[in-house]
Amino acid sequence: MRFASVCSAFITALLSLLLLFGCIKEKNTMDNMGNFEDVRTKIEEFNEDITELESELASLTEDRAEVAEKLRVAEKRAGYKKNPTAFLTFDEGFTSVTVSVVNQLNEAGVKATFFVIGKNLANNTEMQEALKAASDAGHAIGIRSYSGDMSEIYKNETAYFEDLYKCRDLIKQITGKDAVLVRMPGGSATAEYRFKKNTGSNDCFKAVLARLIAEGFIVNDWTVDTGDATVSNVDTIVSNTLKKAQTPLKNESKTCVILFTNNNRTTKALPSIIEGLKTLGYAFETMPVEFAIVRQR
């Protein structure tokens, strides 16, 4: 109602101004209105009124956009309660293995999220082109770290963010897109442990997490570990993953964040895992940038 009344007032003011200009053009009417200064004063008053109305309309437009965005996020969250959704995430790329994974995903029509290590991309034109192609194909690109060296990046807050920014800037340079999705190497539980070990306090981890959130980064761990980093048998990787993926179907929010690493077992297990998840009723999405689904294990 407020928006409609403001619009009505705005239109009325415009019509009045047009009428006033029409009056100016009519000599007889001009004579009746008095001297030119009175006319100019009236015009200035109308201009001030219009400026005020335009400002209020702009404010209302921003309010409506903010409400619409909140509604969109709420609907997205509500959708996860009804529709099983799997987020396939891959750590430690980009390498030739990652390229094979992207090809498999593209063939299956599935979008996924890649948390990359910057040093794998630096001075490697082939991998940079592969990353750009994956991003252009609709896969999400997130930050794992630049160096991948947990002994270095978890020394303190400064070391962590220097590494993070270096990886972020490289991704931006290659893809042209801002990377806001973050996965701490080893997961946030590992980060907490290492920060505490190196600094003697849990305050560093809390400060890093708070700063990440304040700067607009979205931190996500996982709910299902495929085990492809340690389990040698591909069939076991597939069966264990699909078994774990059944648990979220019983939860209020039916989301499943699946962790893959970067090795040949991943490429062998992936097709069967995708088909198995489809059979369980899962759809696939990239990790949302609106909110964290999993912040800590």
C-alpha atoms as a PDB file:
ATOM      1  CA  MET A   1       0.000   0.000   0.000  1.00  0.00           C
ATOM      2  CA  ARG A   2       2.802   2.436   0.902  1.00  0.00           C
ATOM      3  CA  PHE A   3       4.535   1.803  -2.410  1.00  0.00           C
ATOM      4  CA  ALA A   4       1.295   2.473  -4.336  1.00  0.00           C
ATOM      5  CA  SER A   5       0.598   5.719  -2.449  1.00  0.00           C
ATOM      6  CA  VAL A   6       4.111   6.988  -3.096  1.00  0.00           C
ATOM      7  CA  CYS A   7       3.787   6.167  -6.787  1.00  0.00           C
ATOM      8  CA  SER A   8       0.449   8.026  -6.883  1.00  0.00           C
ATOM      9  CA  ALA A   9       1.984  11.066  -5.215  1.00  0.00           C
ATOM     10  CA  PHE A  10       4.916  10.955  -7.594  1.00  0.00           C
ATOM     11  CA  ILE A  11       2.642  10.865 -10.637  1.00  0.00           C
ATOM     12  CA  THR A  12       0.507  13.707  -9.228  1.00  0.00           C
ATOM     13  CA  ALA A  13       3.603  15.838  -8.733  1.00  0.00           C
ATOM     14  CA  LEU A  14       4.763  15.183 -12.291  1.00  0.00           C
ATOM     15  CA  LEU A  15       1.361  16.086 -13.711  1.00  0.00           C
ATOM     16  CA  SER A  16       1.321  19.267 -11.690  1.00  0.00           C
ATOM     17  CA  LEU A  17       4.747  20.188 -12.978  1.00  0.00           C
ATOM     18  CA  LEU A  18       3.674  19.577 -16.552  1.00  0.00           C
ATOM     19  CA  LEU A  19       0.628  21.768 -16.031  1.00  0.00           C
ATOM     20  CA  LEU A  20       2.854  24.442 -14.596  1.00  0.00           C
ATOM     21  CA  PHE A  21       5.118  24.357 -17.645  1.00  0.00           C
ATOM     22  CA  GLY A  22       2.031  24.584 -19.790  1.00  0.00           C
ATOM     23  CA  CYS A  23       0.975  27.646 -17.913  1.00  0.00           C
ATOM     24  CA  ILE A  24       4.352  29.236 -18.497  1.00  0.00           C
ATOM     25  CA  LYS A  25       3.885  28.858 -22.215  1.00  0.00           C
ATOM     26  CA  GLU A  26       0.576  30.718 -22.100  1.00  0.00           C
ATOM     27  CA  LYS A  27       1.241  34.441 -21.986  1.00  0.00           C
ATOM     28  CA  ASN A  28      -2.102  35.382 -20.448  1.00  0.00           C
ATOM     29  CA  THR A  29      -1.734  32.801 -17.736  1.00  0.00           C
ATOM     30  CA  MET A  30       1.823  33.990 -17.165  1.00  0.00           C
ATOM     31  CA  ASP A  31       0.604  37.527 -16.571  1.00  0.00           C
ATOM     32  CA  ASN A  32      -1.894  36.314 -13.980  1.00  0.00           C
ATOM     33  CA  MET A  33       0.741  34.395 -12.039  1.00  0.00           C
ATOM     34  CA  GLY A  34       2.769  37.472 -11.234  1.00  0.00           C
ATOM     35  CA  ASN A  35       6.436  37.960 -11.792  1.00  0.00           C
ATOM     36  CA  PHE A  36       8.972  35.400 -13.015  1.00  0.00           C
ATOM     37  CA  GLU A  37      10.520  34.935  -9.591  1.00  0.00           C
ATOM     38  CA  ASP A  38       7.251  33.540  -8.236  1.00  0.00           C
ATOM     39  CA  VAL A  39       7.135  31.046 -11.067  1.00  0.00           C
ATOM     40  CA  ARG A  40      10.732  29.982 -10.502  1.00  0.00           C
ATOM     41  CA  THR A  41      10.055  29.518  -6.802  1.00  0.00           C
ATOM     42  CA  LYS A  42       7.101  27.278  -7.591  1.00  0.00           C
ATOM     43  CA  ILE A  43       9.203  25.204  -9.979  1.00  0.00           C
ATOM     44  CA  GLU A  44      11.944  24.792  -7.397  1.00  0.00           C
ATOM     45  CA  GLU A  45       9.384  23.628  -4.840  1.00  0.00           C
ATOM     46  CA  PHE A  46       8.053  21.059  -7.286  1.00  0.00           C
ATOM     47  CA  ASN A  47      11.609  19.913  -8.027  1.00  0.00           C
ATOM     48  CA  GLU A  48      12.294  19.452  -4.332  1.00  0.00           C
ATOM     49  CA  ASP A  49       9.083  17.462  -3.923  1.00  0.00           C
ATOM     50  CA  ILE A  50       9.960  15.246  -6.878  1.00  0.00           C
ATOM     51  CA  THR A  51      13.502  14.699  -5.606  1.00  0.00           C
ATOM     52  CA  GLU A  52      12.129  13.664  -2.237  1.00  0.00           C
ATOM     53  CA  LEU A  53       9.641  11.296  -3.860  1.00  0.00           C
ATOM     54  CA  GLU A  54      12.330   9.786  -6.073  1.00  0.00           C
ATOM     55  CA  SER A  55      14.493   9.169  -3.008  1.00  0.00           C
ATOM     56  CA  GLU A  56      11.627   7.495  -1.197  1.00  0.00           C
ATOM     57  CA  LEU A  57      10.823   5.370  -4.246  1.00  0.00           C
ATOM     58  CA  ALA A  58      14.456   4.273  -4.472  1.00  0.00           C
ATOM     59  CA  SER A  59      14.406   3.329  -0.798  1.00  0.00           C
ATOM     60  CA  LEU A  60      11.219   1.343  -1.262  1.00  0.00           C
ATOM     61  CA  THR A  61      12.718  -0.420  -4.284  1.00  0.00           C
ATOM     62  CA  GLU A  62      15.741  -1.440  -2.208  1.00  0.00           C
ATOM     63  CA  ASP A  63      13.447  -2.679   0.561  1.00  0.00           C
ATOM     64  CA  ARG A  64      11.458  -4.733  -1.925  1.00  0.00           C
ATOM     65  CA  ALA A  65      14.657  -6.217  -3.383  1.00  0.00           C
ATOM     66  CA  GLU A  66      15.908  -7.140   0.085  1.00  0.00           C
ATOM     67  CA  VAL A  67      12.613  -8.798   0.973  1.00  0.00           C
ATOM     68  CA  ALA A  68      12.592 -10.653  -2.348  1.00  0.00           C
ATOM     69  CA  GLU A  69      16.123 -11.960  -1.725  1.00  0.00           C
ATOM     70  CA  LYS A  70      15.238 -13.136   1.785  1.00  0.00           C
ATOM     71  CA  LEU A  71      12.166 -14.872   0.377  1.00  0.00           C
ATOM     72  CA  ARG A  72      14.271 -16.572  -2.310  1.00  0.00           C
ATOM     73  CA  VAL A  73      16.736 -17.916   0.255  1.00  0.00           C
ATOM     74  CA  ALA A  74      13.904 -19.074   2.516  1.00  0.00           C
ATOM     75  CA  GLU A  75      12.280 -20.906  -0.397  1.00  0.00           C
ATOM     76  CA  LYS A  76      15.618 -22.517  -1.257  1.00  0.00           C
ATOM     77  CA  ARG A  77      16.012 -23.761   2.305  1.00  0.00           C
ATOM     78  CA  ALA A  78      12.440 -25.033   2.311  1.00  0.00           C
ATOM     79  CA  GLY A  79      13.103 -26.886  -0.935  1.00  0.00           C
ATOM     80  CA  TYR A  80      15.891 -28.874   0.695  1.00  0.00           C
ATOM     81  CA  LYS A  81      13.360 -30.181   3.216  1.00  0.00           C
ATOM     82  CA  LYS A  82      11.299 -31.686   0.416  1.00  0.00           C
ATOM     83  CA  ASN A  83      13.741 -32.508  -2.342  1.00  0.00           C
ATOM     84  CA  PRO A  84      16.852 -34.628  -1.624  1.00  0.00           C
ATOM     85  CA  THR A  85      19.840 -32.650  -2.892  1.00  0.00           C
ATOM     86  CA  ALA A  86      23.424 -33.836  -3.239  1.00  0.00           C
ATOM     87  CA  PHE A  87      26.375 -31.472  -3.429  1.00  0.00           C
ATOM     88  CA  LEU A  88      29.344 -33.225  -4.989  1.00  0.00           C
ATOM     89  CA  THR A  89      32.548 -31.518  -3.857  1.00  0.00           C
ATOM     90  CA  PHE A  90      36.084 -32.204  -5.028  1.00  0.00           C
ATOM     91  CA  ASP A  91      39.220 -31.112  -3.173  1.00  0.00           C
ATOM     92  CA  GLU A  92      42.829 -30.530  -4.223  1.00  0.00           C
ATOM     93  CA  GLY A  93      42.465 -29.795  -7.947  1.00  0.00           C
ATOM     94  CA  PHE A  94      43.113 -28.807 -10.622  1.00  0.00           C
ATOM     95  CA  THR A  95      45.125 -31.684 -12.088  1.00  0.00           C
ATOM     96  CA  SER A  96      44.657 -34.119 -14.951  1.00  0.00           C
ATOM     97  CA  VAL A  97      42.509 -36.207 -12.610  1.00  0.00           C
ATOM     98  CA  THR A  98      40.247 -33.221 -12.019  1.00  0.00           C
ATOM     99  CA  VAL A  99      39.899 -32.733 -15.760  1.00  0.00           C
ATOM    100  CA  SER A 100      38.689 -36.348 -16.077  1.00  0.00           C
ATOM    101  CA  VAL A 101      36.198 -35.729 -13.274  1.00  0.00           C
ATOM    102  CA  VAL A 102      34.843 -32.619 -15.010  1.00  0.00           C
ATOM    103  CA  ASN A 103      34.409 -34.570 -18.239  1.00  0.00           C
ATOM    104  CA  GLN A 104      32.485 -37.296 -16.413  1.00  0.00           C
ATOM    105  CA  LEU A 105      30.255 -34.734 -14.730  1.00  0.00           C
ATOM    106  CA  ASN A 106      29.552 -32.944 -17.992  1.00  0.00           C
ATOM    107  CA  GLU A 107      28.604 -36.199 -19.677  1.00  0.00           C
ATOM    108  CA  ALA A 108      26.244 -37.023 -16.793  1.00  0.00           C
ATOM    109  CA  GLY A 109      24.731 -33.530 -16.797  1.00  0.00           C
ATOM    110  CA  VAL A 110      25.728 -32.996 -13.156  1.00  0.00           C
ATOM    111  CA  LYS A 111      27.122 -29.804 -11.655  1.00  0.00           C
ATOM    112  CA  ALA A 112      29.644 -29.937  -8.817  1.00  0.00           C
ATOM    113  CA  THR A 113      31.904 -27.774  -6.670  1.00  0.00           C
ATOM    114  CA  PHE A 114      35.701 -27.742  -6.799  1.00  0.00           C
ATOM    115  CA  PHE A 115      37.852 -26.462  -3.936  1.00  0.00           C
ATOM    116  CA  VAL A 116      41.169 -25.805  -5.605  1.00  0.00           C
ATOM    117  CA  ILE A 117      44.804 -25.526  -4.615  1.00  0.00           C
ATOM    118  CA  GLY A 118      46.334 -22.462  -6.194  1.00  0.00           C
ATOM    119  CA  LYS A 119      49.842 -23.797  -6.730  1.00  0.00           C
ATOM    120  CA  ASN A 120      48.432 -26.464  -9.067  1.00  0.00           C
ATOM    121  CA  LEU A 121      47.266 -23.651 -11.337  1.00  0.00           C
ATOM    122  CA  ALA A 122      50.132 -21.187 -11.147  1.00  0.00           C
ATOM    123  CA  ASN A 123      52.266 -21.198 -14.285  1.00  0.00           C
ATOM    124  CA  ASN A 124      50.201 -24.062 -15.693  1.00  0.00           C
ATOM    125  CA  THR A 125      48.296 -22.835 -18.718  1.00  0.00           C
ATOM    126  CA  GLU A 126      46.623 -26.189 -19.337  1.00  0.00           C
ATOM    127  CA  MET A 127      45.146 -26.373 -15.844  1.00  0.00           C
ATOM    128  CA  GLN A 128      44.128 -22.732 -15.928  1.00  0.00           C
ATOM    129  CA  GLU A 129      42.217 -23.361 -19.142  1.00  0.00           C
ATOM    130  CA  ALA A 130      40.602 -26.430 -17.575  1.00  0.00           C
ATOM    131  CA  LEU A 131      39.529 -24.418 -14.536  1.00  0.00           C
ATOM    132  CA  LYS A 132      38.072 -21.685 -16.728  1.00  0.00           C
ATOM    133  CA  ALA A 133      36.217 -24.269 -18.824  1.00  0.00           C
ATOM    134  CA  ALA A 134      34.755 -25.893 -15.701  1.00  0.00           C
ATOM    135  CA  SER A 135      33.638 -22.541 -14.380  1.00  0.00           C
ATOM    136  CA  ASP A 136      32.095 -21.577 -17.720  1.00  0.00           C
ATOM    137  CA  ALA A 137      30.265 -24.931 -17.802  1.00  0.00           C
ATOM    138  CA  GLY A 138      28.460 -24.014 -14.566  1.00  0.00           C
ATOM    139  CA  HIS A 139      30.562 -25.783 -11.956  1.00  0.00           C
ATOM    140  CA  ALA A 140      31.326 -23.810  -8.787  1.00  0.00           C
ATOM    141  CA  ILE A 141      34.917 -22.957  -7.945  1.00  0.00           C
ATOM    142  CA  GLY A 142      35.898 -22.566  -4.306  1.00  0.00           C
ATOM    143  CA  ILE A 143      39.060 -21.951  -2.309  1.00  0.00           C
ATOM    144  CA  ARG A 144      40.944 -24.672  -0.470  1.00  0.00           C
ATOM    145  CA  SER A 145      44.291 -22.920  -0.199  1.00  0.00           C
ATOM    146  CA  TYR A 146      47.157 -21.731  -2.350  1.00  0.00           C
ATOM    147  CA  SER A 147      49.989 -23.846  -0.968  1.00  0.00           C
ATOM    148  CA  GLY A 148      48.054 -26.773   0.501  1.00  0.00           C
ATOM    149  CA  ASP A 149      50.634 -26.854   3.313  1.00  0.00           C
ATOM    150  CA  MET A 150      48.695 -27.108   6.565  1.00  0.00           C
ATOM    151  CA  SER A 151      51.840 -26.699   8.658  1.00  0.00           C
ATOM    152  CA  GLU A 152      52.234 -23.216   7.181  1.00  0.00           C
ATOM    153  CA  ILE A 153      48.737 -21.845   6.689  1.00  0.00           C
ATOM    154  CA  TYR A 154      47.562 -22.768  10.196  1.00  0.00           C
ATOM    155  CA  LYS A 155      50.438 -21.005  11.963  1.00  0.00           C
ATOM    156  CA  ASN A 156      48.295 -17.962  12.710  1.00  0.00           C
ATOM    157  CA  GLU A 157      45.547 -15.732  11.346  1.00  0.00           C
ATOM    158  CA  THR A 158      47.892 -13.702   9.146  1.00  0.00           C
ATOM    159  CA  ALA A 159      49.396 -16.784   7.502  1.00  0.00           C
ATOM    160  CA  TYR A 160      45.968 -18.256   6.816  1.00  0.00           C
ATOM    161  CA  PHE A 161      44.571 -15.173   5.111  1.00  0.00           C
ATOM    162  CA  GLU A 162      47.695 -14.468   3.094  1.00  0.00           C
ATOM    163  CA  ASP A 163      47.355 -17.951   1.613  1.00  0.00           C
ATOM    164  CA  LEU A 164      43.579 -17.608   1.166  1.00  0.00           C
ATOM    165  CA  TYR A 165      43.775 -14.263  -0.620  1.00  0.00           C
ATOM    166  CA  LYS A 166      46.510 -15.518  -2.917  1.00  0.00           C
ATOM    167  CA  CYS A 167      44.308 -18.419  -4.029  1.00  0.00           C
ATOM    168  CA  ARG A 168      41.226 -16.201  -4.288  1.00  0.00           C
ATOM    169  CA  ASP A 169      43.003 -13.665  -6.477  1.00  0.00           C
ATOM    170  CA  LEU A 170      44.338 -16.364  -8.787  1.00  0.00           C
ATOM    171  CA  ILE A 171      40.858 -17.864  -9.246  1.00  0.00           C
ATOM    172  CA  LYS A 172      39.502 -14.403 -10.057  1.00  0.00           C
ATOM    173  CA  GLN A 173      42.288 -13.842 -12.556  1.00  0.00           C
ATOM    174  CA  ILE A 174      41.563 -17.134 -14.329  1.00  0.00           C
ATOM    175  CA  THR A 175      37.759 -17.322 -14.204  1.00  0.00           C
ATOM    176  CA  GLY A 176      36.796 -13.673 -13.934  1.00  0.00           C
ATOM    177  CA  LYS A 177      34.535 -14.627 -11.021  1.00  0.00           C
ATOM    178  CA  ASP A 178      34.754 -13.978  -7.296  1.00  0.00           C
ATOM    179  CA  ALA A 179      35.377 -17.112  -5.239  1.00  0.00           C
ATOM    180  CA  VAL A 180      33.508 -16.991  -1.926  1.00  0.00           C
ATOM    181  CA  LEU A 181      33.128 -20.714  -1.157  1.00  0.00           C
ATOM    182  CA  VAL A 182      35.825 -21.903   1.251  1.00  0.00           C
ATOM    183  CA  ARG A 183      36.855 -25.309   2.518  1.00  0.00           C
ATOM    184  CA  MET A 184      39.588 -25.266   5.119  1.00  0.00           C
ATOM    185  CA  PRO A 185      42.271 -27.875   4.354  1.00  0.00           C
ATOM    186  CA  GLY A 186      41.451 -30.947   6.416  1.00  0.00           C
ATOM    187  CA  GLY A 187      38.112 -29.436   7.340  1.00  0.00           C
ATOM    188  CA  SER A 188      37.276 -26.897  10.037  1.00  0.00           C
ATOM    189  CA  ALA A 189      37.859 -29.429  12.837  1.00  0.00           C
ATOM    190  CA  THR A 190      41.428 -29.933  11.631  1.00  0.00           C
ATOM    191  CA  ALA A 191      41.886 -26.185  11.312  1.00  0.00           C
ATOM    192  CA  GLU A 192      40.701 -25.662  14.876  1.00  0.00           C
ATOM    193  CA  TYR A 193      43.083 -28.308  16.198  1.00  0.00           C
ATOM    194  CA  ARG A 194      46.108 -26.978  14.294  1.00  0.00           C
ATOM    195  CA  PHE A 195      45.494 -23.339  15.159  1.00  0.00           C
ATOM    196  CA  LYS A 196      45.234 -24.256  18.824  1.00  0.00           C
ATOM    197  CA  LYS A 197      48.379 -26.366  18.644  1.00  0.00           C
ATOM    198  CA  ASN A 198      50.364 -23.572  16.975  1.00  0.00           C
ATOM    199  CA  THR A 199      49.046 -20.617  18.976  1.00  0.00           C
ATOM    200  CA  GLY A 200      48.244 -22.249  22.304  1.00  0.00           C
ATOM    201  CA  SER A 201      44.670 -20.979  22.235  1.00  0.00           C
ATOM    202  CA  ASN A 202      41.375 -21.587  20.473  1.00  0.00           C
ATOM    203  CA  ASP A 203      40.962 -17.841  19.967  1.00  0.00           C
ATOM    204  CA  CYS A 204      42.815 -17.889  16.637  1.00  0.00           C
ATOM    205  CA  PHE A 205      40.404 -20.324  15.021  1.00  0.00           C
ATOM    206  CA  LYS A 206      37.422 -18.334  16.303  1.00  0.00           C
ATOM    207  CA  ALA A 207      38.925 -15.126  14.941  1.00  0.00           C
ATOM    208  CA  VAL A 208      39.627 -16.689  11.534  1.00  0.00           C
ATOM    209  CA  LEU A 209      36.111 -18.109  11.245  1.00  0.00           C
ATOM    210  CA  ALA A 210      34.544 -14.808  12.295  1.00  0.00           C
ATOM    211  CA  ARG A 211      36.679 -12.905   9.803  1.00  0.00           C
ATOM    212  CA  LEU A 212      35.792 -15.281   6.986  1.00  0.00           C
ATOM    213  CA  ILE A 213      32.104 -14.760   7.657  1.00  0.00           C
ATOM    214  CA  ALA A 214      32.503 -10.985   8.046  1.00  0.00           C
ATOM    215  CA  GLU A 215      34.290 -10.784   4.676  1.00  0.00           C
ATOM    216  CA  GLY A 216      31.506 -12.687   2.933  1.00  0.00           C
ATOM    217  CA  PHE A 217      33.136 -16.086   2.571  1.00  0.00           C
ATOM    218  CA  ILE A 218      30.984 -19.202   2.905  1.00  0.00           C
ATOM    219  CA  VAL A 219      32.667 -22.021   4.852  1.00  0.00           C
ATOM    220  CA  ASN A 220      31.591 -25.596   4.224  1.00  0.00           C
ATOM    221  CA  ASP A 221      32.815 -29.010   5.342  1.00  0.00           C
ATOM    222  CA  TRP A 222      30.992 -32.207   4.355  1.00  0.00           C
ATOM    223  CA  THR A 223      28.508 -34.760   5.640  1.00  0.00           C
ATOM    224  CA  VAL A 224      29.659 -37.780   3.626  1.00  0.00           C
ATOM    225  CA  ASP A 225      33.307 -38.723   3.138  1.00  0.00           C
ATOM    226  CA  THR A 226      33.647 -41.123   0.208  1.00  0.00           C
ATOM    227  CA  GLY A 227      36.915 -42.412   1.624  1.00  0.00           C
ATOM    228  CA  ASP A 228      38.503 -42.270  -1.817  1.00  0.00           C
ATOM    229  CA  ALA A 229      41.674 -40.839  -0.270  1.00  0.00           C
ATOM    230  CA  THR A 230      42.362 -43.934   1.831  1.00  0.00           C
ATOM    231  CA  VAL A 231      40.146 -46.824   0.693  1.00  0.00           C
ATOM    232  CA  SER A 232      41.748 -48.788  -2.136  1.00  0.00           C
ATOM    233  CA  ASN A 233      38.746 -50.844  -3.258  1.00  0.00           C
ATOM    234  CA  VAL A 234      36.503 -48.876  -5.615  1.00  0.00           C
ATOM    235  CA  ASP A 235      33.417 -51.009  -4.927  1.00  0.00           C
ATOM    236  CA  THR A 236      33.829 -50.318  -1.213  1.00  0.00           C
ATOM    237  CA  ILE A 237      34.058 -46.593  -1.880  1.00  0.00           C
ATOM    238  CA  VAL A 238      30.802 -46.736  -3.833  1.00  0.00           C
ATOM    239  CA  SER A 239      28.871 -48.884  -1.355  1.00  0.00           C
ATOM    240  CA  ASN A 240      30.032 -46.913   1.701  1.00  0.00           C
ATOM    241  CA  THR A 241      29.149 -43.594   0.073  1.00  0.00           C
ATOM    242  CA  LEU A 242      25.671 -44.671  -0.941  1.00  0.00           C
ATOM    243  CA  LYS A 243      25.047 -46.171   2.481  1.00  0.00           C
ATOM    244  CA  LYS A 244      25.991 -42.907   4.195  1.00  0.00           C
ATOM    245  CA  ALA A 245      23.877 -40.960   1.717  1.00  0.00           C
ATOM    246  CA  GLN A 246      20.731 -42.695   2.946  1.00  0.00           C
ATOM    247  CA  THR A 247      20.911 -41.029   6.373  1.00  0.00           C
ATOM    248  CA  PRO A 248      20.093 -37.458   5.210  1.00  0.00           C
ATOM    249  CA  LEU A 249      16.910 -38.752   3.600  1.00  0.00           C
ATOM    250  CA  LYS A 250      15.544 -39.192   7.127  1.00  0.00           C
ATOM    251  CA  ASN A 251      16.506 -35.671   8.203  1.00  0.00           C
ATOM    252  CA  GLU A 252      14.456 -32.499   8.028  1.00  0.00           C
ATOM    253  CA  SER A 253      16.865 -30.975   5.527  1.00  0.00           C
ATOM    254  CA  LYS A 254      17.610 -33.674   2.973  1.00  0.00           C
ATOM    255  CA  THR A 255      21.006 -32.388   1.886  1.00  0.00           C
ATOM    256  CA  CYS A 256      24.110 -34.444   1.366  1.00  0.00           C
ATOM    257  CA  VAL A 257      27.533 -32.781   1.018  1.00  0.00           C
ATOM    258  CA  ILE A 258      29.865 -35.402  -0.423  1.00  0.00           C
ATOM    259  CA  LEU A 259      33.653 -35.179  -0.199  1.00  0.00           C
ATOM    260  CA  PHE A 260      35.854 -36.483  -3.006  1.00  0.00           C
ATOM    261  CA  THR A 261      39.608 -36.073  -3.245  1.00  0.00           C
ATOM    262  CA  ASN A 262      41.878 -35.966  -6.259  1.00  0.00           C
ATOM    263  CA  ASN A 263      43.010 -39.435  -7.273  1.00  0.00           C
ATOM    264  CA  ASN A 264      42.283 -42.121  -9.844  1.00  0.00           C
ATOM    265  CA  ARG A 265      39.947 -44.020  -7.520  1.00  0.00           C
ATOM    266  CA  THR A 266      37.685 -40.978  -7.629  1.00  0.00           C
ATOM    267  CA  THR A 267      37.244 -41.199 -11.373  1.00  0.00           C
ATOM    268  CA  LYS A 268      36.519 -44.931 -11.174  1.00  0.00           C
ATOM    269  CA  ALA A 269      33.950 -44.620  -8.387  1.00  0.00           C
ATOM    270  CA  LEU A 270      32.192 -41.461  -9.532  1.00  0.00           C
ATOM    271  CA  PRO A 271      29.872 -42.841 -12.263  1.00  0.00           C
ATOM    272  CA  SER A 272      28.439 -45.520  -9.957  1.00  0.00           C
ATOM    273  CA  ILE A 273      28.033 -43.025  -7.113  1.00  0.00           C
ATOM    274  CA  ILE A 274      26.145 -40.611  -9.345  1.00  0.00           C
ATOM    275  CA  GLU A 275      23.802 -43.335 -10.585  1.00  0.00           C
ATOM    276  CA  GLY A 276      23.298 -44.625  -7.049  1.00  0.00           C
ATOM    277  CA  LEU A 277      22.435 -41.154  -5.752  1.00  0.00           C
ATOM    278  CA  LYS A 278      19.944 -40.694  -8.578  1.00  0.00           C
ATOM    279  CA  THR A 279      18.326 -43.999  -7.633  1.00  0.00           C
ATOM    280  CA  LEU A 280      18.003 -42.729  -4.046  1.00  0.00           C
ATOM    281  CA  GLY A 281      16.134 -39.711  -5.386  1.00  0.00           C
ATOM    282  CA  TYR A 282      18.875 -37.113  -5.201  1.00  0.00           C
ATOM    283  CA  ALA A 283      19.148 -34.121  -7.490  1.00  0.00           C
ATOM    284  CA  PHE A 284      22.487 -32.341  -7.851  1.00  0.00           C
ATOM    285  CA  GLU A 285      23.478 -28.734  -7.237  1.00  0.00           C
ATOM    286  CA  THR A 286      26.599 -26.694  -6.737  1.00  0.00           C
ATOM    287  CA  MET A 287      27.194 -25.426  -3.217  1.00  0.00           C
ATOM    288  CA  PRO A 288      24.971 -22.394  -2.545  1.00  0.00           C
ATOM    289  CA  VAL A 289      26.670 -19.065  -1.994  1.00  0.00           C
ATOM    290  CA  GLU A 290      23.749 -17.685   0.022  1.00  0.00           C
ATOM    291  CA  PHE A 291      24.472 -19.644   3.186  1.00  0.00           C
ATOM    292  CA  ALA A 292      26.621 -22.365   4.668  1.00  0.00           C
ATOM    293  CA  ILE A 293      24.995 -25.780   4.758  1.00  0.00           C
ATOM    294  CA  VAL A 294      27.772 -27.359   6.804  1.00  0.00           C
ATOM    295  CA  ARG A 295      30.169 -25.157   8.744  1.00  0.00           C
ATOM    296  CA  GLN A 296      31.774 -27.662  11.085  1.00  0.00           C
ATOM    297  CA  ARG A 297      31.874 -31.401  11.215  1.00  0.00           C
END
